[in-house]
PDB file of N, CA and C in Angstrom:
ATOM      1  N   UNK A   1      44.929   5.497 135.061  1.00  0.00           N
ATOM      2  CA  UNK A   1      43.900   6.512 135.211  1.00  0.00           C
ATOM      3  C   UNK A   1      44.545   7.799 135.714  1.00  0.00           C
ATOM      4  N   UNK A   2      44.209   8.892 135.061  1.00  0.00           N
ATOM      5  CA  UNK A   2      44.818  10.182 135.379  1.00  0.00           C
ATOM      6  C   UNK A   2      43.860  11.063 136.177  1.00  0.00           C
ATOM      7  N   UNK A   3      44.436  11.945 136.976  1.00  0.00           N
ATOM      8  CA  UNK A   3      43.700  12.995 137.672  1.00  0.00           C
ATOM      9  C   UNK A   3      43.894  14.284 136.890  1.00  0.00           C
ATOM     10  N   UNK A   4      42.833  14.741 136.229  1.00  0.00           N
ATOM     11  CA  UNK A   4      42.894  15.936 135.402  1.00  0.00           C
ATOM     12  C   UNK A   4      42.315  17.103 136.180  1.00  0.00           C
ATOM     13  N   UNK A   5      43.063  18.194 136.266  1.00  0.00           N
ATOM     14  CA  UNK A   5      42.654  19.373 137.026  1.00  0.00           C
ATOM     15  C   UNK A   5      42.416  20.524 136.059  1.00  0.00           C
ATOM     16  N   UNK A   6      41.251  21.163 136.202  1.00  0.00           N
ATOM     17  CA  UNK A   6      40.919  22.319 135.361  1.00  0.00           C
ATOM     18  C   UNK A   6      40.841  23.561 136.246  1.00  0.00           C
ATOM     19  N   UNK A   7      41.544  24.634 135.809  1.00  0.00           N
ATOM     20  CA  UNK A   7      41.552  25.910 136.538  1.00  0.00           C
ATOM     21  C   UNK A   7      41.229  27.044 135.579  1.00  0.00           C
ATOM     22  N   UNK A   8      40.490  28.051 136.115  1.00  0.00           N
ATOM     23  CA  UNK A   8      40.161  29.225 135.302  1.00  0.00           C
ATOM     24  C   UNK A   8      39.886  30.391 136.227  1.00  0.00           C
ATOM     25  N   UNK A   9      40.354  31.575 135.832  1.00  0.00           N
ATOM     26  CA  UNK A   9      39.998  32.824 136.509  1.00  0.00           C
ATOM     27  C   UNK A   9      39.332  33.737 135.491  1.00  0.00           C
ATOM     28  N   UNK A  10      38.513  34.655 135.990  1.00  0.00           N
ATOM     29  CA  UNK A  10      37.724  35.503 135.100  1.00  0.00           C
ATOM     30  C   UNK A  10      38.499  36.673 134.509  1.00  0.00           C
ATOM     31  N   UNK A  11      39.499  37.161 135.237  1.00  0.00           N
ATOM     32  CA  UNK A  11      40.272  38.299 134.738  1.00  0.00           C
ATOM     33  C   UNK A  11      41.760  38.017 134.871  1.00  0.00           C
ATOM     34  N   UNK A  12      42.564  38.767 134.119  1.00  0.00           N
ATOM     35  CA  UNK A  12      44.015  38.559 134.220  1.00  0.00           C
ATOM     36  C   UNK A  12      44.598  39.179 135.488  1.00  0.00           C
ATOM     37  N   UNK A  13      43.789  39.885 136.282  1.00  0.00           N
ATOM     38  CA  UNK A  13      44.247  40.396 137.573  1.00  0.00           C
ATOM     39  C   UNK A  13      44.035  39.381 138.697  1.00  0.00           C
ATOM     40  N   UNK A  14      43.314  38.318 138.432  1.00  0.00           N
ATOM     41  CA  UNK A  14      43.060  37.300 139.437  1.00  0.00           C
ATOM     42  C   UNK A  14      44.126  36.204 139.349  1.00  0.00           C
ATOM     43  N   UNK A  15      44.195  35.394 140.401  1.00  0.00           N
ATOM     44  CA  UNK A  15      45.135  34.269 140.396  1.00  0.00           C
ATOM     45  C   UNK A  15      44.386  32.981 140.732  1.00  0.00           C
ATOM     46  N   UNK A  16      45.059  31.879 140.537  1.00  0.00           N
ATOM     47  CA  UNK A  16      44.469  30.584 140.860  1.00  0.00           C
ATOM     48  C   UNK A  16      44.841  30.132 142.271  1.00  0.00           C
ATOM     49  N   UNK A  17      45.311  31.046 143.116  1.00  0.00           N
ATOM     50  CA  UNK A  17      45.787  30.682 144.455  1.00  0.00           C
ATOM     51  C   UNK A  17      44.724  29.934 145.265  1.00  0.00           C
ATOM     52  N   UNK A  18      43.503  30.427 145.283  1.00  0.00           N
ATOM     53  CA  UNK A  18      42.441  29.754 146.048  1.00  0.00           C
ATOM     54  C   UNK A  18      42.158  28.375 145.458  1.00  0.00           C
ATOM     55  N   UNK A  19      42.114  28.280 144.148  1.00  0.00           N
ATOM     56  CA  UNK A  19      41.887  26.984 143.510  1.00  0.00           C
ATOM     57  C   UNK A  19      43.020  26.015 143.863  1.00  0.00           C
ATOM     58  N   UNK A  20      44.246  26.516 143.851  1.00  0.00           N
ATOM     59  CA  UNK A  20      45.391  25.683 144.209  1.00  0.00           C
ATOM     60  C   UNK A  20      45.255  25.160 145.631  1.00  0.00           C
ATOM     61  N   UNK A  21      44.810  26.013 146.553  1.00  0.00           N
ATOM     62  CA  UNK A  21      44.630  25.632 147.949  1.00  0.00           C
ATOM     63  C   UNK A  21      43.578  24.535 148.070  1.00  0.00           C
ATOM     64  N   UNK A  22      42.411  24.763 147.467  1.00  0.00           N
ATOM     65  CA  UNK A  22      41.311  23.792 147.549  1.00  0.00           C
ATOM     66  C   UNK A  22      41.721  22.459 146.942  1.00  0.00           C
ATOM     67  N   UNK A  23      42.320  22.516 145.770  1.00  0.00           N
ATOM     68  CA  UNK A  23      42.713  21.285 145.095  1.00  0.00           C
ATOM     69  C   UNK A  23      43.865  20.591 145.825  1.00  0.00           C
ATOM     70  N   UNK A  24      44.763  21.391 146.405  1.00  0.00           N
ATOM     71  CA  UNK A  24      45.858  20.817 147.188  1.00  0.00           C
ATOM     72  C   UNK A  24      45.352  20.096 148.421  1.00  0.00           C
ATOM     73  N   UNK A  25      44.357  20.685 149.085  1.00  0.00           N
ATOM     74  CA  UNK A  25      43.768  20.061 150.272  1.00  0.00           C
ATOM     75  C   UNK A  25      43.034  18.764 149.923  1.00  0.00           C
ATOM     76  N   UNK A  26      42.620  18.624 148.677  1.00  0.00           N
ATOM     77  CA  UNK A  26      41.921  17.407 148.246  1.00  0.00           C
ATOM     78  C   UNK A  26      42.885  16.230 148.098  1.00  0.00           C
ATOM     79  N   UNK A  27      44.176  16.511 148.095  1.00  0.00           N
ATOM     80  CA  UNK A  27      45.173  15.447 148.022  1.00  0.00           C
ATOM     81  C   UNK A  27      45.197  14.705 146.690  1.00  0.00           C
ATOM     82  N   UNK A  28      45.003  15.420 145.617  1.00  0.00           N
ATOM     83  CA  UNK A  28      44.989  14.814 144.285  1.00  0.00           C
ATOM     84  C   UNK A  28      46.410  14.392 143.925  1.00  0.00           C
ATOM     85  N   UNK A  29      46.563  13.125 143.596  1.00  0.00           N
ATOM     86  CA  UNK A  29      47.888  12.589 143.280  1.00  0.00           C
ATOM     87  C   UNK A  29      48.224  12.772 141.807  1.00  0.00           C
ATOM     88  N   UNK A  30      49.434  13.207 141.533  1.00  0.00           N
ATOM     89  CA  UNK A  30      49.968  13.348 140.174  1.00  0.00           C
ATOM     90  C   UNK A  30      48.987  14.033 139.215  1.00  0.00           C
ATOM     91  N   UNK A  31      48.553  15.253 139.547  1.00  0.00           N
ATOM     92  CA  UNK A  31      47.575  15.914 138.676  1.00  0.00           C
ATOM     93  C   UNK A  31      48.174  16.331 137.337  1.00  0.00           C
ATOM     94  N   UNK A  32      47.351  16.252 136.312  1.00  0.00           N
ATOM     95  CA  UNK A  32      47.675  16.826 135.010  1.00  0.00           C
ATOM     96  C   UNK A  32      46.819  18.085 134.945  1.00  0.00           C
ATOM     97  N   UNK A  33      47.466  19.256 134.920  1.00  0.00           N
ATOM     98  CA  UNK A  33      46.763  20.529 135.082  1.00  0.00           C
ATOM     99  C   UNK A  33      46.513  21.203 133.730  1.00  0.00           C
ATOM    100  N   UNK A  34      45.280  21.683 133.578  1.00  0.00           N
ATOM    101  CA  UNK A  34      44.866  22.458 132.412  1.00  0.00           C
ATOM    102  C   UNK A  34      44.342  23.785 132.947  1.00  0.00           C
ATOM    103  N   UNK A  35      45.095  24.868 132.750  1.00  0.00           N
ATOM    104  CA  UNK A  35      44.739  26.181 133.285  1.00  0.00           C
ATOM    105  C   UNK A  35      44.540  27.171 132.148  1.00  0.00           C
ATOM    106  N   UNK A  36      43.354  27.761 132.110  1.00  0.00           N
ATOM    107  CA  UNK A  36      43.068  28.782 131.103  1.00  0.00           C
ATOM    108  C   UNK A  36      43.922  30.016 131.368  1.00  0.00           C
ATOM    109  N   UNK A  37      44.222  30.750 130.312  1.00  0.00           N
ATOM    110  CA  UNK A  37      44.883  32.037 130.467  1.00  0.00           C
ATOM    111  C   UNK A  37      43.945  32.965 131.225  1.00  0.00           C
ATOM    112  N   UNK A  38      44.517  33.852 132.031  1.00  0.00           N
ATOM    113  CA  UNK A  38      43.712  34.807 132.777  1.00  0.00           C
ATOM    114  C   UNK A  38      42.786  35.585 131.868  1.00  0.00           C
ATOM    115  N   UNK A  39      41.555  35.732 132.289  1.00  0.00           N
ATOM    116  CA  UNK A  39      40.602  36.504 131.513  1.00  0.00           C
ATOM    117  C   UNK A  39      39.818  35.692 130.500  1.00  0.00           C
ATOM    118  N   UNK A  40      39.981  34.359 130.503  1.00  0.00           N
ATOM    119  CA  UNK A  40      39.140  33.546 129.625  1.00  0.00           C
ATOM    120  C   UNK A  40      37.715  33.693 130.107  1.00  0.00           C
ATOM    121  N   UNK A  41      36.886  34.209 129.266  1.00  0.00           N
ATOM    122  CA  UNK A  41      35.538  34.623 129.655  1.00  0.00           C
ATOM    123  C   UNK A  41      34.703  33.486 130.221  1.00  0.00           C
ATOM    124  N   UNK A  42      34.037  33.784 131.326  1.00  0.00           N
ATOM    125  CA  UNK A  42      33.091  32.828 131.885  1.00  0.00           C
ATOM    126  C   UNK A  42      31.843  32.757 131.017  1.00  0.00           C
ATOM    127  N   UNK A  43      31.690  33.724 130.116  1.00  0.00           N
ATOM    128  CA  UNK A  43      30.539  33.703 129.215  1.00  0.00           C
ATOM    129  C   UNK A  43      30.709  32.698 128.071  1.00  0.00           C
ATOM    130  N   UNK A  44      31.955  32.266 127.859  1.00  0.00           N
ATOM    131  CA  UNK A  44      32.188  31.221 126.856  1.00  0.00           C
ATOM    132  C   UNK A  44      31.627  29.904 127.374  1.00  0.00           C
ATOM    133  N   UNK A  45      30.990  29.162 126.514  1.00  0.00           N
ATOM    134  CA  UNK A  45      30.539  27.821 126.881  1.00  0.00           C
ATOM    135  C   UNK A  45      31.773  27.009 127.249  1.00  0.00           C
ATOM    136  N   UNK A  46      31.695  26.178 128.275  1.00  0.00           N
ATOM    137  CA  UNK A  46      32.876  25.401 128.669  1.00  0.00           C
ATOM    138  C   UNK A  46      33.504  24.621 127.519  1.00  0.00           C
ATOM    139  N   UNK A  47      32.680  24.103 126.621  1.00  0.00           N
ATOM    140  CA  UNK A  47      33.207  23.308 125.515  1.00  0.00           C
ATOM    141  C   UNK A  47      33.907  24.157 124.464  1.00  0.00           C
ATOM    142  N   UNK A  48      33.862  25.493 124.613  1.00  0.00           N
ATOM    143  CA  UNK A  48      34.551  26.411 123.709  1.00  0.00           C
ATOM    144  C   UNK A  48      35.848  26.955 124.303  1.00  0.00           C
ATOM    145  N   UNK A  49      36.119  26.660 125.566  1.00  0.00           N
ATOM    146  CA  UNK A  49      37.336  27.179 126.205  1.00  0.00           C
ATOM    147  C   UNK A  49      38.540  26.326 125.794  1.00  0.00           C
ATOM    148  N   UNK A  50      39.626  26.982 125.382  1.00  0.00           N
ATOM    149  CA  UNK A  50      40.776  26.249 124.833  1.00  0.00           C
ATOM    150  C   UNK A  50      41.352  25.159 125.740  1.00  0.00           C
ATOM    151  N   UNK A  51      41.599  25.472 126.995  1.00  0.00           N
ATOM    152  CA  UNK A  51      42.231  24.482 127.876  1.00  0.00           C
ATOM    153  C   UNK A  51      41.259  23.373 128.281  1.00  0.00           C
ATOM    154  N   UNK A  52      39.970  23.692 128.371  1.00  0.00           N
ATOM    155  CA  UNK A  52      39.014  22.624 128.675  1.00  0.00           C
ATOM    156  C   UNK A  52      38.889  21.688 127.470  1.00  0.00           C
ATOM    157  N   UNK A  53      38.930  22.246 126.277  1.00  0.00           N
ATOM    158  CA  UNK A  53      38.919  21.399 125.070  1.00  0.00           C
ATOM    159  C   UNK A  53      40.172  20.517 125.037  1.00  0.00           C
ATOM    160  N   UNK A  54      41.304  21.081 125.443  1.00  0.00           N
ATOM    161  CA  UNK A  54      42.546  20.302 125.505  1.00  0.00           C
ATOM    162  C   UNK A  54      42.408  19.166 126.523  1.00  0.00           C
ATOM    163  N   UNK A  55      41.804  19.470 127.673  1.00  0.00           N
ATOM    164  CA  UNK A  55      41.558  18.454 128.691  1.00  0.00           C
ATOM    165  C   UNK A  55      40.698  17.328 128.106  1.00  0.00           C
ATOM    166  N   UNK A  56      39.638  17.695 127.392  1.00  0.00           N
ATOM    167  CA  UNK A  56      38.751  16.686 126.814  1.00  0.00           C
ATOM    168  C   UNK A  56      39.481  15.816 125.793  1.00  0.00           C
ATOM    169  N   UNK A  57      40.381  16.411 125.031  1.00  0.00           N
ATOM    170  CA  UNK A  57      41.160  15.654 124.055  1.00  0.00           C
ATOM    171  C   UNK A  57      42.108  14.685 124.755  1.00  0.00           C
ATOM    172  N   UNK A  58      42.654  15.110 125.880  1.00  0.00           N
ATOM    173  CA  UNK A  58      43.615  14.310 126.648  1.00  0.00           C
ATOM    174  C   UNK A  58      42.929  13.174 127.414  1.00  0.00           C
ATOM    175  N   UNK A  59      41.713  13.420 127.893  1.00  0.00           N
ATOM    176  CA  UNK A  59      41.011  12.502 128.793  1.00  0.00           C
ATOM    177  C   UNK A  59      40.769  11.136 128.150  1.00  0.00           C
ATOM    178  N   UNK A  60      40.867  10.122 129.001  1.00  0.00           N
ATOM    179  CA  UNK A  60      40.606   8.736 128.608  1.00  0.00           C
ATOM    180  C   UNK A  60      39.596   8.132 129.581  1.00  0.00           C
ATOM    181  N   UNK A  61      38.891   7.084 129.171  1.00  0.00           N
ATOM    182  CA  UNK A  61      37.958   6.428 130.105  1.00  0.00           C
ATOM    183  C   UNK A  61      38.666   6.057 131.405  1.00  0.00           C
ATOM    184  N   UNK A  62      38.031   6.361 132.525  1.00  0.00           N
ATOM    185  CA  UNK A  62      38.606   6.075 133.834  1.00  0.00           C
ATOM    186  C   UNK A  62      39.312   7.256 134.466  1.00  0.00           C
ATOM    187  N   UNK A  63      39.631   8.295 133.687  1.00  0.00           N
ATOM    188  CA  UNK A  63      40.240   9.500 134.251  1.00  0.00           C
ATOM    189  C   UNK A  63      39.220  10.240 135.109  1.00  0.00           C
ATOM    190  N   UNK A  64      39.718  11.033 136.042  1.00  0.00           N
ATOM    191  CA  UNK A  64      38.863  11.847 136.905  1.00  0.00           C
ATOM    192  C   UNK A  64      39.167  13.314 136.648  1.00  0.00           C
ATOM    193  N   UNK A  65      38.113  14.120 136.455  1.00  0.00           N
ATOM    194  CA  UNK A  65      38.259  15.563 136.265  1.00  0.00           C
ATOM    195  C   UNK A  65      37.965  16.253 137.589  1.00  0.00           C
ATOM    196  N   UNK A  66      38.897  17.113 138.016  1.00  0.00           N
ATOM    197  CA  UNK A  66      38.758  17.843 139.279  1.00  0.00           C
ATOM    198  C   UNK A  66      38.671  19.340 138.990  1.00  0.00           C
ATOM    199  N   UNK A  67      37.750  20.032 139.673  1.00  0.00           N
ATOM    200  CA  UNK A  67      37.677  21.495 139.654  1.00  0.00           C
ATOM    201  C   UNK A  67      37.441  21.946 141.081  1.00  0.00           C
ATOM    202  N   UNK A  68      37.882  23.151 141.411  1.00  0.00           N
ATOM    203  CA  UNK A  68      37.747  23.616 142.792  1.00  0.00           C
ATOM    204  C   UNK A  68      36.310  23.991 143.140  1.00  0.00           C
ATOM    205  N   UNK A  69      35.618  24.620 142.220  1.00  0.00           N
ATOM    206  CA  UNK A  69      34.210  24.994 142.401  1.00  0.00           C
ATOM    207  C   UNK A  69      33.525  24.878 141.050  1.00  0.00           C
ATOM    208  N   UNK A  70      32.253  24.516 141.056  1.00  0.00           N
ATOM    209  CA  UNK A  70      31.517  24.324 139.804  1.00  0.00           C
ATOM    210  C   UNK A  70      31.539  25.568 138.923  1.00  0.00           C
ATOM    211  N   UNK A  71      31.460  26.765 139.529  1.00  0.00           N
ATOM    212  CA  UNK A  71      31.381  27.979 138.716  1.00  0.00           C
ATOM    213  C   UNK A  71      32.665  28.248 137.934  1.00  0.00           C
ATOM    214  N   UNK A  72      33.746  27.549 138.250  1.00  0.00           N
ATOM    215  CA  UNK A  72      34.975  27.687 137.462  1.00  0.00           C
ATOM    216  C   UNK A  72      34.824  27.041 136.092  1.00  0.00           C
ATOM    217  N   UNK A  73      33.844  26.147 135.988  1.00  0.00           N
ATOM    218  CA  UNK A  73      33.625  25.446 134.732  1.00  0.00           C
ATOM    219  C   UNK A  73      32.310  25.830 134.066  1.00  0.00           C
ATOM    220  N   UNK A  74      31.224  25.869 134.817  1.00  0.00           N
ATOM    221  CA  UNK A  74      29.894  26.037 134.224  1.00  0.00           C
ATOM    222  C   UNK A  74      29.160  27.231 134.817  1.00  0.00           C
ATOM    223  N   UNK A  75      28.171  27.728 134.041  1.00  0.00           N
ATOM    224  CA  UNK A  75      27.358  28.857 134.493  1.00  0.00           C
ATOM    225  C   UNK A  75      25.917  28.457 134.794  1.00  0.00           C
ATOM    226  N   UNK A  76      25.543  27.256 134.474  1.00  0.00           N
ATOM    227  CA  UNK A  76      24.172  26.850 134.722  1.00  0.00           C
ATOM    228  C   UNK A  76      23.936  25.399 134.353  1.00  0.00           C
ATOM    229  N   UNK A  77      22.704  24.976 134.569  1.00  0.00           N
ATOM    230  CA  UNK A  77      22.331  23.590 134.342  1.00  0.00           C
ATOM    231  C   UNK A  77      22.600  23.138 132.914  1.00  0.00           C
ATOM    232  N   UNK A  78      22.316  23.987 131.938  1.00  0.00           N
ATOM    233  CA  UNK A  78      22.554  23.618 130.546  1.00  0.00           C
ATOM    234  C   UNK A  78      24.005  23.275 130.284  1.00  0.00           C
ATOM    235  N   UNK A  79      24.917  24.076 130.840  1.00  0.00           N
ATOM    236  CA  UNK A  79      26.348  23.804 130.675  1.00  0.00           C
ATOM    237  C   UNK A  79      26.724  22.486 131.350  1.00  0.00           C
ATOM    238  N   UNK A  80      26.174  22.254 132.543  1.00  0.00           N
ATOM    239  CA  UNK A  80      26.474  21.013 133.262  1.00  0.00           C
ATOM    240  C   UNK A  80      26.077  19.811 132.411  1.00  0.00           C
ATOM    241  N   UNK A  81      24.869  19.863 131.870  1.00  0.00           N
ATOM    242  CA  UNK A  81      24.380  18.740 131.063  1.00  0.00           C
ATOM    243  C   UNK A  81      25.226  18.546 129.805  1.00  0.00           C
ATOM    244  N   UNK A  82      25.627  19.640 129.169  1.00  0.00           N
ATOM    245  CA  UNK A  82      26.476  19.546 127.975  1.00  0.00           C
ATOM    246  C   UNK A  82      27.817  18.887 128.296  1.00  0.00           C
ATOM    247  N   UNK A  83      28.424  19.310 129.405  1.00  0.00           N
ATOM    248  CA  UNK A  83      29.718  18.750 129.805  1.00  0.00           C
ATOM    249  C   UNK A  83      29.567  17.276 130.173  1.00  0.00           C
ATOM    250  N   UNK A  84      28.512  16.945 130.903  1.00  0.00           N
ATOM    251  CA  UNK A  84      28.291  15.544 131.265  1.00  0.00           C
ATOM    252  C   UNK A  84      28.087  14.664 130.037  1.00  0.00           C
ATOM    253  N   UNK A  85      27.405  15.196 129.033  1.00  0.00           N
ATOM    254  CA  UNK A  85      27.210  14.440 127.790  1.00  0.00           C
ATOM    255  C   UNK A  85      28.543  14.086 127.143  1.00  0.00           C
ATOM    256  N   UNK A  86      29.517  14.974 127.260  1.00  0.00           N
ATOM    257  CA  UNK A  86      30.830  14.737 126.666  1.00  0.00           C
ATOM    258  C   UNK A  86      31.673  13.817 127.553  1.00  0.00           C
ATOM    259  N   UNK A  87      31.630  14.047 128.864  1.00  0.00           N
ATOM    260  CA  UNK A  87      32.479  13.273 129.777  1.00  0.00           C
ATOM    261  C   UNK A  87      31.971  11.854 130.017  1.00  0.00           C
ATOM    262  N   UNK A  88      30.665  11.672 130.025  1.00  0.00           N
ATOM    263  CA  UNK A  88      30.094  10.357 130.319  1.00  0.00           C
ATOM    264  C   UNK A  88      28.966  10.048 129.348  1.00  0.00           C
ATOM    265  N   UNK A  89      29.309   9.755 128.090  1.00  0.00           N
ATOM    266  CA  UNK A  89      28.265   9.466 127.114  1.00  0.00           C
ATOM    267  C   UNK A  89      27.396   8.296 127.562  1.00  0.00           C
ATOM    268  N   UNK A  90      26.120   8.366 127.231  1.00  0.00           N
ATOM    269  CA  UNK A  90      25.157   7.346 127.641  1.00  0.00           C
ATOM    270  C   UNK A  90      25.594   5.948 127.204  1.00  0.00           C
ATOM    271  N   UNK A  91      26.290   5.862 126.091  1.00  0.00           N
ATOM    272  CA  UNK A  91      26.694   4.550 125.586  1.00  0.00           C
ATOM    273  C   UNK A  91      27.744   3.879 126.455  1.00  0.00           C
ATOM    274  N   UNK A  92      28.407   4.633 127.324  1.00  0.00           N
ATOM    275  CA  UNK A  92      29.464   4.031 128.138  1.00  0.00           C
ATOM    276  C   UNK A  92      28.931   3.340 129.372  1.00  0.00           C
ATOM    277  N   UNK A  93      27.760   3.782 129.844  1.00  0.00           N
ATOM    278  CA  UNK A  93      27.331   3.337 131.162  1.00  0.00           C
ATOM    279  C   UNK A  93      25.885   2.853 131.156  1.00  0.00           C
ATOM    280  N   UNK A  94      25.642   1.611 130.740  1.00  0.00           N
ATOM    281  CA  UNK A  94      24.274   1.135 130.703  1.00  0.00           C
ATOM    282  C   UNK A  94      23.663   1.080 132.097  1.00  0.00           C
ATOM    283  N   UNK A  95      22.346   1.273 132.204  1.00  0.00           N
ATOM    284  CA  UNK A  95      21.691   1.259 133.523  1.00  0.00           C
ATOM    285  C   UNK A  95      21.769  -0.081 134.205  1.00  0.00           C
TER     286      UNK A  95
END
């Protein structure tokens, strides 16, 4: 099982330093990091972002996805539900 880390900043003048700090403090072991290029628009749906799509292609059942803050990945409830549908399809986890 892998620890997958997703990082994104809104502009190319920003850095992932704060995300690195938060994720480092979480003590994630052997992370596989997927970092968007600076300036990858937050207006893009998460499932349209290149590095998040790469993460989804890499991910296997049992892997854990880590992000420093929800807003680094999603902009609202609709995005959350879309991402959850991809990460944890209903067929995998019967009630």
